[in-house]
């Protein structure tokens, strides 16, 4: 399983970005794709995740601002991030999980300037 994340960049506070994560090398089935982030000097933290059937979970810090979605036909998960703040600055990584098997992709850097 390989995960390729993209869409990071530099944005001003209040702006938006859309991250994408493409999973390859998987067989169609039930899984959970998620986004995590690691702010500078801090531990990695959960951001959002989405089940194949559409159930979603969010960290309290992003509820109402971030939206996770997925296209099962493309094995792709998206993270729409709105109303970004400098506190959202981090390396964002995607995760794919099925029956306890967990894979990580290389992160994409999101920098929010004030």
N, C-alpha and C. Protein backbone atom coordinates (compact mmCIF):
# COMPACT_ATOMS: atom_id res chain seq x y z
N UNK A 1 0.85 -1.18 0.00
CA UNK A 1 0.00 0.00 0.00
C UNK A 1 0.89 1.24 0.00
N UNK A 2 0.58 2.14 -0.90
CA UNK A 2 1.30 3.41 -0.94
C UNK A 2 0.30 4.54 -0.91
N UNK A 3 0.65 5.58 -0.17
CA UNK A 3 -0.21 6.74 -0.04
C UNK A 3 0.56 7.96 -0.52
N UNK A 4 -0.08 8.75 -1.35
CA UNK A 4 0.54 9.95 -1.88
C UNK A 4 -0.34 11.15 -1.52
N UNK A 5 0.20 12.00 -0.65
CA UNK A 5 -0.53 13.20 -0.24
C UNK A 5 -0.04 14.40 -1.03
N UNK A 6 -0.94 15.31 -1.29
CA UNK A 6 -0.59 16.53 -2.01
C UNK A 6 -1.54 17.65 -1.63
N UNK A 7 -1.19 18.85 -2.02
CA UNK A 7 -2.08 19.98 -1.81
C UNK A 7 -1.63 20.97 -0.76
N UNK A 8 -0.56 20.67 -0.06
CA UNK A 8 -0.08 21.60 0.94
C UNK A 8 0.51 22.85 0.32
N UNK A 9 0.79 23.82 1.15
CA UNK A 9 1.37 25.06 0.66
C UNK A 9 1.28 26.16 1.69
N UNK A 10 1.55 27.36 1.23
CA UNK A 10 1.51 28.54 2.09
C UNK A 10 0.22 29.30 1.83
N UNK A 11 -0.48 29.64 2.89
CA UNK A 11 -1.73 30.36 2.77
C UNK A 11 -1.85 31.35 3.90
N UNK A 12 -2.55 32.43 3.67
CA UNK A 12 -2.76 33.42 4.72
C UNK A 12 -3.89 32.97 5.65
N UNK A 13 -3.85 33.47 6.84
CA UNK A 13 -4.90 33.17 7.80
C UNK A 13 -6.27 33.54 7.20
N UNK A 14 -7.23 32.65 7.42
CA UNK A 14 -8.55 32.84 6.84
C UNK A 14 -8.72 32.19 5.49
N UNK A 15 -7.63 31.72 4.93
CA UNK A 15 -7.67 31.11 3.61
C UNK A 15 -8.04 29.64 3.67
N UNK A 16 -7.99 29.02 2.50
CA UNK A 16 -8.39 27.62 2.37
C UNK A 16 -7.37 26.83 1.57
N UNK A 17 -7.33 25.55 1.86
CA UNK A 17 -6.52 24.61 1.09
C UNK A 17 -7.28 23.29 1.00
N UNK A 18 -6.99 22.53 -0.04
CA UNK A 18 -7.59 21.21 -0.18
C UNK A 18 -6.47 20.19 -0.35
N UNK A 19 -6.41 19.26 0.57
CA UNK A 19 -5.42 18.20 0.49
C UNK A 19 -6.03 16.97 -0.15
N UNK A 20 -5.19 16.22 -0.85
CA UNK A 20 -5.62 14.96 -1.46
C UNK A 20 -4.68 13.85 -1.03
N UNK A 21 -5.22 12.66 -0.91
CA UNK A 21 -4.42 11.49 -0.58
C UNK A 21 -4.89 10.33 -1.45
N UNK A 22 -4.00 9.86 -2.31
CA UNK A 22 -4.32 8.75 -3.19
C UNK A 22 -3.68 7.48 -2.67
N UNK A 23 -4.49 6.45 -2.51
CA UNK A 23 -3.99 5.15 -2.06
C UNK A 23 -3.86 4.22 -3.25
N UNK A 24 -2.73 3.56 -3.34
CA UNK A 24 -2.52 2.60 -4.42
C UNK A 24 -2.07 1.27 -3.84
N UNK A 25 -2.25 0.22 -4.63
CA UNK A 25 -1.84 -1.09 -4.16
C UNK A 25 -2.81 -1.74 -3.21
N UNK A 26 -4.07 -1.27 -3.21
CA UNK A 26 -5.05 -1.85 -2.31
C UNK A 26 -6.13 -2.57 -3.10
N UNK A 27 -6.78 -3.51 -2.41
CA UNK A 27 -7.90 -4.22 -2.99
C UNK A 27 -9.17 -3.58 -2.43
N UNK A 28 -10.15 -3.41 -3.27
CA UNK A 28 -11.39 -2.76 -2.84
C UNK A 28 -11.97 -3.48 -1.63
N UNK A 29 -12.43 -2.68 -0.69
CA UNK A 29 -12.98 -3.24 0.53
C UNK A 29 -13.30 -2.15 1.52
N UNK A 30 -13.48 -2.54 2.76
CA UNK A 30 -13.82 -1.60 3.81
C UNK A 30 -12.54 -1.14 4.49
N UNK A 31 -12.42 0.18 4.62
CA UNK A 31 -11.25 0.72 5.28
C UNK A 31 -11.57 2.10 5.83
N UNK A 32 -10.61 2.66 6.52
CA UNK A 32 -10.73 4.03 7.03
C UNK A 32 -9.52 4.81 6.56
N UNK A 33 -9.77 5.95 5.96
CA UNK A 33 -8.68 6.84 5.57
C UNK A 33 -8.74 8.06 6.46
N UNK A 34 -7.59 8.52 6.86
CA UNK A 34 -7.57 9.63 7.80
C UNK A 34 -6.43 10.58 7.56
N UNK A 35 -6.57 11.75 8.16
CA UNK A 35 -5.54 12.77 8.13
C UNK A 35 -5.06 13.03 9.55
N UNK A 36 -3.76 13.14 9.69
CA UNK A 36 -3.12 13.51 10.94
C UNK A 36 -2.17 14.66 10.65
N UNK A 37 -1.79 15.38 11.68
CA UNK A 37 -0.85 16.47 11.46
C UNK A 37 0.14 16.56 12.61
N UNK A 38 1.30 17.07 12.30
CA UNK A 38 2.33 17.28 13.30
C UNK A 38 2.79 18.72 13.23
N UNK A 39 2.34 19.55 14.17
CA UNK A 39 2.79 20.94 14.20
C UNK A 39 4.27 21.00 14.58
N UNK A 40 4.94 22.08 14.27
CA UNK A 40 6.36 22.20 14.60
C UNK A 40 6.61 22.01 16.09
N UNK A 41 7.50 21.09 16.43
CA UNK A 41 7.87 20.87 17.82
C UNK A 41 6.83 20.14 18.66
N UNK A 42 5.80 19.60 18.01
CA UNK A 42 4.74 18.93 18.77
C UNK A 42 4.55 17.50 18.27
N UNK A 43 3.73 16.77 19.00
CA UNK A 43 3.42 15.40 18.63
C UNK A 43 2.40 15.37 17.50
N UNK A 44 2.39 14.28 16.79
CA UNK A 44 1.39 14.10 15.75
C UNK A 44 0.01 13.97 16.40
N UNK A 45 -0.98 14.57 15.74
CA UNK A 45 -2.33 14.54 16.29
C UNK A 45 -3.34 14.20 15.21
N UNK A 46 -4.43 13.63 15.65
CA UNK A 46 -5.52 13.26 14.74
C UNK A 46 -6.23 14.51 14.25
N UNK A 47 -6.62 14.49 12.96
CA UNK A 47 -7.37 15.60 12.39
C UNK A 47 -8.78 15.14 12.00
N UNK A 48 -8.85 14.16 11.12
CA UNK A 48 -10.15 13.67 10.64
C UNK A 48 -9.96 12.33 9.97
N UNK A 49 -11.05 11.56 9.94
CA UNK A 49 -11.01 10.28 9.24
C UNK A 49 -12.37 9.98 8.65
N UNK A 50 -12.37 9.07 7.67
CA UNK A 50 -13.61 8.73 6.97
C UNK A 50 -13.60 7.26 6.62
N UNK A 51 -14.73 6.63 6.91
CA UNK A 51 -14.93 5.22 6.61
C UNK A 51 -15.37 5.07 5.14
N UNK A 52 -15.15 3.91 4.60
CA UNK A 52 -15.59 3.62 3.23
C UNK A 52 -17.06 3.96 3.03
N UNK A 53 -17.86 3.70 4.05
CA UNK A 53 -19.31 3.92 3.93
C UNK A 53 -19.70 5.36 4.23
N UNK A 54 -18.72 6.21 4.55
CA UNK A 54 -19.00 7.63 4.67
C UNK A 54 -19.02 8.20 6.08
N UNK A 55 -18.96 7.36 7.09
CA UNK A 55 -18.91 7.90 8.46
C UNK A 55 -17.65 8.73 8.62
N UNK A 56 -17.77 9.85 9.31
CA UNK A 56 -16.63 10.74 9.50
C UNK A 56 -16.41 11.04 10.98
N UNK A 57 -15.17 11.37 11.30
CA UNK A 57 -14.78 11.76 12.65
C UNK A 57 -13.83 12.94 12.53
N UNK A 58 -13.94 13.87 13.48
CA UNK A 58 -13.12 15.08 13.44
C UNK A 58 -12.55 15.39 14.82
N UNK A 59 -11.37 15.96 14.82
CA UNK A 59 -10.84 16.54 16.04
C UNK A 59 -11.65 17.79 16.37
N UNK A 60 -11.84 18.06 17.64
CA UNK A 60 -12.62 19.22 18.04
C UNK A 60 -12.05 20.51 17.46
N UNK A 61 -10.75 20.56 17.33
CA UNK A 61 -10.09 21.79 16.88
C UNK A 61 -10.39 22.15 15.43
N UNK A 62 -10.90 21.19 14.66
CA UNK A 62 -11.14 21.47 13.24
C UNK A 62 -12.62 21.37 12.87
N UNK A 63 -13.46 20.95 13.79
CA UNK A 63 -14.88 20.82 13.49
C UNK A 63 -15.45 22.15 13.01
N UNK A 64 -16.22 22.07 11.94
CA UNK A 64 -16.83 23.28 11.40
C UNK A 64 -15.94 24.02 10.42
N UNK A 65 -14.66 23.67 10.37
CA UNK A 65 -13.74 24.33 9.44
C UNK A 65 -13.19 23.37 8.38
N UNK A 66 -12.97 22.14 8.79
CA UNK A 66 -12.41 21.13 7.88
C UNK A 66 -13.49 20.13 7.50
N UNK A 67 -13.41 19.64 6.28
CA UNK A 67 -14.33 18.61 5.80
C UNK A 67 -13.53 17.51 5.11
N UNK A 68 -13.73 16.29 5.59
CA UNK A 68 -13.08 15.16 4.94
C UNK A 68 -14.09 14.47 4.03
N UNK A 69 -13.61 14.01 2.90
CA UNK A 69 -14.46 13.30 1.95
C UNK A 69 -13.60 12.27 1.23
N UNK A 70 -14.24 11.43 0.46
CA UNK A 70 -13.48 10.44 -0.28
C UNK A 70 -14.20 10.03 -1.55
N UNK A 71 -13.42 9.58 -2.50
CA UNK A 71 -13.93 9.03 -3.74
C UNK A 71 -13.44 7.58 -3.77
N UNK A 72 -14.32 6.66 -3.45
CA UNK A 72 -13.90 5.26 -3.35
C UNK A 72 -13.42 4.70 -4.69
N UNK A 73 -14.01 5.18 -5.77
CA UNK A 73 -13.61 4.70 -7.09
C UNK A 73 -12.18 5.10 -7.42
N UNK A 74 -11.72 6.19 -6.82
CA UNK A 74 -10.36 6.67 -7.07
C UNK A 74 -9.42 6.38 -5.92
N UNK A 75 -9.93 5.70 -4.90
CA UNK A 75 -9.10 5.41 -3.70
C UNK A 75 -8.45 6.69 -3.18
N UNK A 76 -9.23 7.74 -3.15
CA UNK A 76 -8.70 9.06 -2.78
C UNK A 76 -9.52 9.67 -1.66
N UNK A 77 -8.81 10.23 -0.70
CA UNK A 77 -9.45 11.00 0.36
C UNK A 77 -9.03 12.45 0.23
N UNK A 78 -9.95 13.32 0.61
CA UNK A 78 -9.70 14.76 0.51
C UNK A 78 -9.90 15.40 1.89
N UNK A 79 -9.19 16.49 2.09
CA UNK A 79 -9.40 17.29 3.29
C UNK A 79 -9.53 18.74 2.86
N UNK A 80 -10.75 19.24 2.90
CA UNK A 80 -10.99 20.64 2.60
C UNK A 80 -10.82 21.43 3.90
N UNK A 81 -9.90 22.37 3.88
CA UNK A 81 -9.58 23.13 5.08
C UNK A 81 -9.92 24.60 4.84
N UNK A 82 -10.85 25.10 5.60
CA UNK A 82 -11.30 26.49 5.47
C UNK A 82 -10.98 27.25 6.75
N UNK A 83 -10.98 28.57 6.62
CA UNK A 83 -10.76 29.44 7.77
C UNK A 83 -9.50 29.02 8.54
N UNK A 84 -8.43 28.84 7.81
CA UNK A 84 -7.19 28.38 8.41
C UNK A 84 -6.60 29.44 9.33
N UNK A 85 -5.95 28.96 10.38
CA UNK A 85 -5.26 29.83 11.33
C UNK A 85 -3.80 29.39 11.43
N UNK A 86 -2.94 30.25 11.96
CA UNK A 86 -1.54 29.84 12.12
C UNK A 86 -1.38 28.57 12.94
N UNK A 87 -2.33 28.30 13.82
CA UNK A 87 -2.27 27.08 14.64
C UNK A 87 -2.49 25.81 13.80
N UNK A 88 -2.94 25.96 12.58
CA UNK A 88 -3.10 24.81 11.68
C UNK A 88 -1.81 24.47 10.94
N UNK A 89 -0.79 25.29 11.12
CA UNK A 89 0.49 25.01 10.48
C UNK A 89 1.04 23.68 10.96
N UNK A 90 1.34 22.80 10.02
CA UNK A 90 1.81 21.46 10.38
C UNK A 90 2.14 20.68 9.11
N UNK A 91 2.78 19.55 9.33
CA UNK A 91 2.92 18.57 8.26
C UNK A 91 1.72 17.64 8.36
N UNK A 92 0.95 17.58 7.29
CA UNK A 92 -0.25 16.76 7.27
C UNK A 92 0.05 15.43 6.56
N UNK A 93 -0.30 14.34 7.22
CA UNK A 93 -0.04 13.01 6.67
C UNK A 93 -1.35 12.24 6.58
N UNK A 94 -1.44 11.40 5.57
CA UNK A 94 -2.64 10.58 5.47
C UNK A 94 -2.34 9.14 5.90
N UNK A 95 -3.39 8.50 6.36
CA UNK A 95 -3.29 7.15 6.88
C UNK A 95 -4.39 6.30 6.27
N UNK A 96 -4.04 5.05 6.01
CA UNK A 96 -5.02 4.07 5.51
C UNK A 96 -5.02 2.91 6.48
N UNK A 97 -6.20 2.48 6.90
CA UNK A 97 -6.29 1.44 7.91
C UNK A 97 -7.38 0.44 7.54
N UNK A 98 -7.01 -0.82 7.58
CA UNK A 98 -7.98 -1.89 7.36
C UNK A 98 -7.65 -3.04 8.28
N UNK A 99 -8.59 -3.38 9.13
CA UNK A 99 -8.45 -4.52 10.04
C UNK A 99 -7.14 -4.46 10.83
N UNK A 100 -6.75 -3.29 11.24
CA UNK A 100 -5.56 -3.14 12.04
C UNK A 100 -4.29 -2.92 11.27
N UNK A 101 -4.31 -3.17 9.98
CA UNK A 101 -3.14 -2.87 9.15
C UNK A 101 -3.16 -1.39 8.81
N UNK A 102 -2.08 -0.70 9.15
CA UNK A 102 -2.06 0.75 9.02
C UNK A 102 -0.87 1.17 8.18
N UNK A 103 -1.13 2.05 7.25
CA UNK A 103 -0.08 2.56 6.37
C UNK A 103 -0.11 4.09 6.38
N UNK A 104 1.08 4.66 6.24
CA UNK A 104 1.22 6.11 6.26
C UNK A 104 1.88 6.59 4.97
N UNK A 105 1.45 7.77 4.56
CA UNK A 105 2.09 8.40 3.42
C UNK A 105 3.03 9.49 3.90
N UNK A 106 3.85 9.96 3.01
CA UNK A 106 4.70 11.09 3.33
C UNK A 106 3.83 12.33 3.46
N UNK A 107 4.18 13.19 4.37
CA UNK A 107 3.35 14.33 4.66
C UNK A 107 3.48 15.45 3.65
N UNK A 108 2.54 16.35 3.74
CA UNK A 108 2.56 17.57 2.94
C UNK A 108 2.48 18.75 3.91
N UNK A 109 3.33 19.74 3.70
CA UNK A 109 3.44 20.84 4.63
C UNK A 109 2.39 21.91 4.35
N UNK A 110 1.69 22.28 5.39
CA UNK A 110 0.74 23.39 5.34
C UNK A 110 1.26 24.49 6.26
N UNK A 111 1.46 25.67 5.70
CA UNK A 111 1.94 26.81 6.47
C UNK A 111 0.91 27.93 6.36
N UNK A 112 0.43 28.37 7.51
CA UNK A 112 -0.56 29.45 7.54
C UNK A 112 0.09 30.68 8.15
N UNK A 113 0.15 31.74 7.39
CA UNK A 113 0.77 32.97 7.87
C UNK A 113 -0.29 33.89 8.48
N UNK A 114 0.14 34.64 9.46
CA UNK A 114 -0.81 35.55 10.14
C UNK A 114 -0.88 36.88 9.46
